[in-house]
Amino acid sequence: MTRFVPAGVCLLVVLCVFLMPVSSAPAGGRPASQTASAPVCEVCLRSVLPEWKYCPYDGHYLTMSSVDLIRFSGKEPMEVLYEFLRAVSDKDEQHYEAREKVVAATMDLKGIVGNILKLGIEKLNIPNKRKEMLTGQFVPEASHALVPVIVRVLLSREFQKNLGEKDSVDLQRFKLMFQQEVTGDTARVYAADPALSEEVYFRKVAESDSGTRWVITKFPEFF
């Protein structure tokens, strides 16, 4: 579980602070082109195109169903982490869409990307008012838009090279290698070997039709 995300991702999202404009949504928060018959995202109700997999406004995985989410309801944080690692280490391209859904269901992608952007903005040598504007206006929209980019990175062959041999470990062995600590709606999974510093953080989220599930929120080695 070493080096989950290539360092290039951090550079990518920080550069986006300069490359992506801060846009303003029309009154009511919907694109002006939306019509009554146009397909919409079930979360933000904005117009989307049939070929889109992700909503560019809120990052919602458009083909995700309650069935895709309910499989994670009741799973412990350690099991969620195991499912995530299996998905990103799977090299069969025919499984790509199923792997996308697992990543979307097991990670707080918008929160993770938002935190990266905020850290990058804080390091910029620009006036504080500009930082506040970027944090308040740019980060929410950019974090949604970058979700598909991060998913592609997580499912790339380059990322798989950083996973070591964890992909060949079964769940029972995995549970011997890691321990979990649950505190209310937050949790931590960490290496059982005290000589190792590997750990991943989680939070519990609730879905109206699929119960509650744990999602990954932080990889201290990177975020």
Protein backbone atom coordinates (compact mmCIF):
# COMPACT_ATOMS: atom_id res chain seq x y z
CA MET A 1 0.00 0.00 0.00
CA THR A 2 2.99 2.27 -0.46
CA ARG A 3 2.74 5.45 -2.50
CA PHE A 4 -0.88 5.19 -3.52
CA VAL A 5 -0.90 8.21 -5.83
CA PRO A 6 1.93 9.34 -8.14
CA ALA A 7 3.38 12.71 -7.19
CA GLY A 8 2.40 14.04 -10.62
CA VAL A 9 -1.23 14.21 -9.52
CA CYS A 10 -0.39 16.91 -6.96
CA LEU A 11 1.36 18.96 -9.65
CA LEU A 12 -1.63 18.47 -11.96
CA VAL A 13 -4.20 19.83 -9.53
CA VAL A 14 -2.06 22.76 -8.45
CA LEU A 15 -1.48 23.77 -12.07
CA CYS A 16 -5.24 23.71 -12.57
CA VAL A 17 -5.46 26.72 -10.26
CA PHE A 18 -3.98 28.72 -13.13
CA LEU A 19 -5.39 26.81 -16.08
CA MET A 20 -9.06 26.50 -15.10
CA PRO A 21 -11.17 29.68 -14.98
CA VAL A 22 -13.53 30.55 -12.16
CA SER A 23 -16.98 30.39 -13.69
CA SER A 24 -20.30 31.57 -12.40
CA ALA A 25 -23.47 29.51 -12.73
CA PRO A 26 -26.72 31.05 -13.98
CA ALA A 27 -29.42 32.02 -11.50
CA GLY A 28 -30.85 28.94 -9.83
CA GLY A 29 -27.58 27.02 -10.23
CA ARG A 30 -28.49 25.39 -13.56
CA PRO A 31 -27.08 25.90 -17.06
CA ALA A 32 -29.16 28.24 -19.18
CA SER A 33 -29.44 25.56 -21.88
CA GLN A 34 -31.32 23.11 -19.63
CA THR A 35 -34.77 22.17 -20.88
CA ALA A 36 -37.53 20.13 -19.30
CA SER A 37 -36.75 17.12 -21.51
CA ALA A 38 -32.97 17.20 -21.10
CA PRO A 39 -31.34 14.48 -18.96
CA VAL A 40 -30.22 15.82 -15.61
CA CYS A 41 -27.89 14.77 -12.80
CA GLU A 42 -29.99 13.32 -9.97
CA VAL A 43 -27.86 15.15 -7.39
CA CYS A 44 -27.56 18.74 -8.66
CA LEU A 45 -30.37 18.58 -11.28
CA ARG A 46 -28.21 20.23 -13.94
CA SER A 47 -28.29 19.23 -17.60
CA VAL A 48 -25.92 16.42 -18.59
CA LEU A 49 -25.14 14.67 -21.85
CA PRO A 50 -25.93 10.97 -22.33
CA GLU A 51 -22.28 10.11 -23.02
CA TRP A 52 -21.02 11.66 -19.77
CA LYS A 53 -20.02 9.25 -17.00
CA TYR A 54 -19.49 11.98 -14.42
CA CYS A 55 -21.47 15.15 -13.73
CA PRO A 56 -19.02 18.04 -14.37
CA TYR A 57 -20.77 20.15 -11.73
CA ASP A 58 -20.82 17.90 -8.65
CA GLY A 59 -18.63 14.93 -9.66
CA HIS A 60 -21.46 12.41 -9.25
CA TYR A 61 -20.91 9.15 -11.13
CA LEU A 62 -23.94 9.26 -13.44
CA THR A 63 -24.23 5.51 -14.04
CA MET A 64 -23.91 4.64 -10.35
CA SER A 65 -27.02 2.97 -8.92
CA SER A 66 -28.14 2.12 -5.40
CA VAL A 67 -27.15 -1.48 -6.18
CA ASP A 68 -23.56 -0.33 -6.80
CA LEU A 69 -23.50 1.41 -3.42
CA ILE A 70 -25.42 -1.03 -1.26
CA ARG A 71 -22.73 -3.70 -1.70
CA PHE A 72 -20.54 -1.56 0.58
CA SER A 73 -23.23 -1.00 3.21
CA GLY A 74 -22.17 -2.60 6.48
CA LYS A 75 -18.61 -3.35 5.36
CA GLU A 76 -15.86 -2.45 7.80
CA PRO A 77 -13.28 0.21 6.82
CA MET A 78 -10.66 -2.50 6.36
CA GLU A 79 -12.93 -4.35 3.90
CA VAL A 80 -13.61 -1.13 1.99
CA LEU A 81 -9.88 -0.52 1.66
CA TYR A 82 -9.39 -4.09 0.45
CA GLU A 83 -12.11 -3.64 -2.22
CA PHE A 84 -10.49 -0.38 -3.34
CA LEU A 85 -7.06 -2.00 -3.66
CA ARG A 86 -8.50 -4.91 -5.62
CA ALA A 87 -10.21 -2.51 -8.04
CA VAL A 88 -7.17 -0.36 -8.73
CA SER A 89 -4.86 -3.37 -9.08
CA ASP A 90 -7.11 -5.26 -11.54
CA LYS A 91 -5.34 -5.26 -14.92
CA ASP A 92 -8.27 -6.59 -16.97
CA GLU A 93 -9.49 -3.75 -19.21
CA GLN A 94 -12.86 -5.47 -19.56
CA HIS A 95 -13.45 -4.72 -15.88
CA TYR A 96 -12.74 -0.98 -16.26
CA GLU A 97 -16.28 0.32 -15.72
CA ALA A 98 -16.80 -1.94 -12.69
CA ARG A 99 -13.49 -0.70 -11.28
CA GLU A 100 -14.60 2.92 -11.80
CA LYS A 101 -17.72 2.27 -9.75
CA VAL A 102 -15.74 0.71 -6.91
CA VAL A 103 -13.37 3.71 -6.77
CA ALA A 104 -16.32 6.12 -6.84
CA ALA A 105 -18.08 4.21 -4.05
CA THR A 106 -15.08 3.74 -1.75
CA MET A 107 -13.46 7.19 -1.90
CA ASP A 108 -14.48 10.74 -0.98
CA LEU A 109 -12.96 11.93 -4.25
CA LYS A 110 -14.39 15.45 -4.18
CA GLY A 111 -13.18 16.01 -0.62
CA ILE A 112 -9.72 14.63 -1.35
CA VAL A 113 -9.25 16.72 -4.49
CA GLY A 114 -10.62 19.80 -2.72
CA ASN A 115 -8.05 19.41 0.06
CA ILE A 116 -5.21 19.10 -2.48
CA LEU A 117 -6.35 22.28 -4.23
CA LYS A 118 -6.63 24.20 -0.95
CA LEU A 119 -3.11 23.14 0.07
CA GLY A 120 -1.79 24.20 -3.33
CA ILE A 121 -3.52 27.58 -3.14
CA GLU A 122 -2.11 28.25 0.33
CA LYS A 123 1.42 27.82 -1.06
CA LEU A 124 0.88 30.30 -3.90
CA ASN A 125 2.59 33.67 -3.65
CA ILE A 126 -0.54 35.72 -4.36
CA PRO A 127 -2.62 38.23 -2.34
CA ASN A 128 -4.82 36.77 0.40
CA LYS A 129 -7.98 38.11 -1.26
CA ARG A 130 -7.12 36.14 -4.39
CA LYS A 131 -6.54 33.03 -2.28
CA GLU A 132 -9.93 33.50 -0.61
CA MET A 133 -11.63 33.90 -3.98
CA LEU A 134 -9.97 30.77 -5.36
CA THR A 135 -10.82 28.77 -2.23
CA GLY A 136 -14.43 29.92 -2.19
CA GLN A 137 -15.25 29.91 -5.91
CA PHE A 138 -12.66 27.84 -7.74
CA VAL A 139 -12.13 24.89 -5.37
CA PRO A 140 -15.75 23.65 -5.20
CA GLU A 141 -16.19 23.62 -8.99
CA ALA A 142 -12.67 22.43 -9.81
CA SER A 143 -12.80 19.57 -7.30
CA HIS A 144 -15.95 18.28 -9.01
CA ALA A 145 -14.46 18.63 -12.49
CA LEU A 146 -11.21 16.87 -11.55
CA VAL A 147 -12.87 13.76 -10.13
CA PRO A 148 -12.80 11.90 -13.50
CA VAL A 149 -9.12 12.83 -13.92
CA ILE A 150 -8.21 11.37 -10.52
CA VAL A 151 -10.20 8.20 -11.27
CA ARG A 152 -8.27 7.72 -14.52
CA VAL A 153 -4.99 8.15 -12.64
CA LEU A 154 -6.02 5.66 -9.95
CA LEU A 155 -6.94 3.09 -12.59
CA SER A 156 -3.86 3.64 -14.75
CA ARG A 157 -1.02 1.17 -15.30
CA GLU A 158 1.40 3.73 -13.87
CA PHE A 159 -0.50 3.77 -10.58
CA GLN A 160 -0.57 -0.03 -10.45
CA LYS A 161 3.23 -0.08 -10.42
CA ASN A 162 3.13 1.64 -7.00
CA LEU A 163 0.92 -0.95 -5.34
CA GLY A 164 3.54 -3.62 -4.71
CA GLU A 165 2.13 -7.10 -4.14
CA LYS A 166 -1.03 -6.15 -2.23
CA ASP A 167 -3.19 -7.16 -5.20
CA SER A 168 -2.38 -10.85 -4.68
CA VAL A 169 -3.30 -10.86 -0.96
CA ASP A 170 -6.65 -12.40 0.02
CA LEU A 171 -8.93 -10.71 2.57
CA GLN A 172 -8.01 -12.95 5.47
CA ARG A 173 -4.31 -12.30 4.98
CA PHE A 174 -4.99 -8.62 4.50
CA LYS A 175 -6.74 -8.48 7.88
CA LEU A 176 -3.62 -9.92 9.47
CA MET A 177 -1.46 -7.22 7.87
CA PHE A 178 -3.61 -4.25 8.96
CA GLN A 179 -5.68 -3.14 11.93
CA GLN A 180 -8.55 -0.67 12.19
CA GLU A 181 -9.62 1.89 14.75
CA VAL A 182 -13.20 3.21 14.63
CA THR A 183 -14.23 6.37 16.49
CA GLY A 184 -17.84 7.33 15.86
CA ASP A 185 -18.20 8.27 12.20
CA THR A 186 -14.44 8.27 11.51
CA ALA A 187 -11.97 5.42 11.26
CA ARG A 188 -8.33 4.63 10.58
CA VAL A 189 -6.76 1.53 9.03
CA TYR A 190 -3.04 1.13 9.76
CA ALA A 191 -0.25 -1.41 9.38
CA ALA A 192 -0.13 -4.07 12.09
CA ASP A 193 3.66 -3.96 11.97
CA PRO A 194 4.69 -1.01 14.22
CA ALA A 195 7.79 -0.52 12.07
CA LEU A 196 5.55 0.60 9.17
CA SER A 197 3.73 3.95 8.98
CA GLU A 198 1.09 3.04 6.42
CA GLU A 199 -2.39 4.31 7.33
CA VAL A 200 -5.60 5.40 5.63
CA TYR A 201 -8.44 7.49 7.07
CA PHE A 202 -12.20 7.08 6.55
CA ARG A 203 -15.52 8.70 7.31
CA LYS A 204 -19.03 7.26 7.33
CA VAL A 205 -21.57 8.56 4.83
CA ALA A 206 -25.30 7.88 4.63
CA GLU A 207 -27.30 7.21 1.47
CA SER A 208 -31.09 7.41 1.55
CA ASP A 209 -31.62 4.12 -0.28
CA SER A 210 -28.40 2.17 0.37
CA GLY A 211 -27.68 2.62 4.07
CA THR A 212 -24.34 3.85 5.42
CA ARG A 213 -20.88 3.08 4.10
CA TRP A 214 -17.27 4.01 4.85
CA VAL A 215 -15.32 6.09 2.32
CA ILE A 216 -11.60 6.83 2.16
CA THR A 217 -10.82 10.46 2.98
CA LYS A 218 -7.07 10.71 3.41
CA PHE A 219 -3.72 9.11 2.54
CA PRO A 220 -1.19 10.83 4.83
CA GLU A 221 1.72 9.83 2.60
CA PHE A 222 0.32 12.08 -0.11
CA PHE A 223 -2.44 14.39 1.16
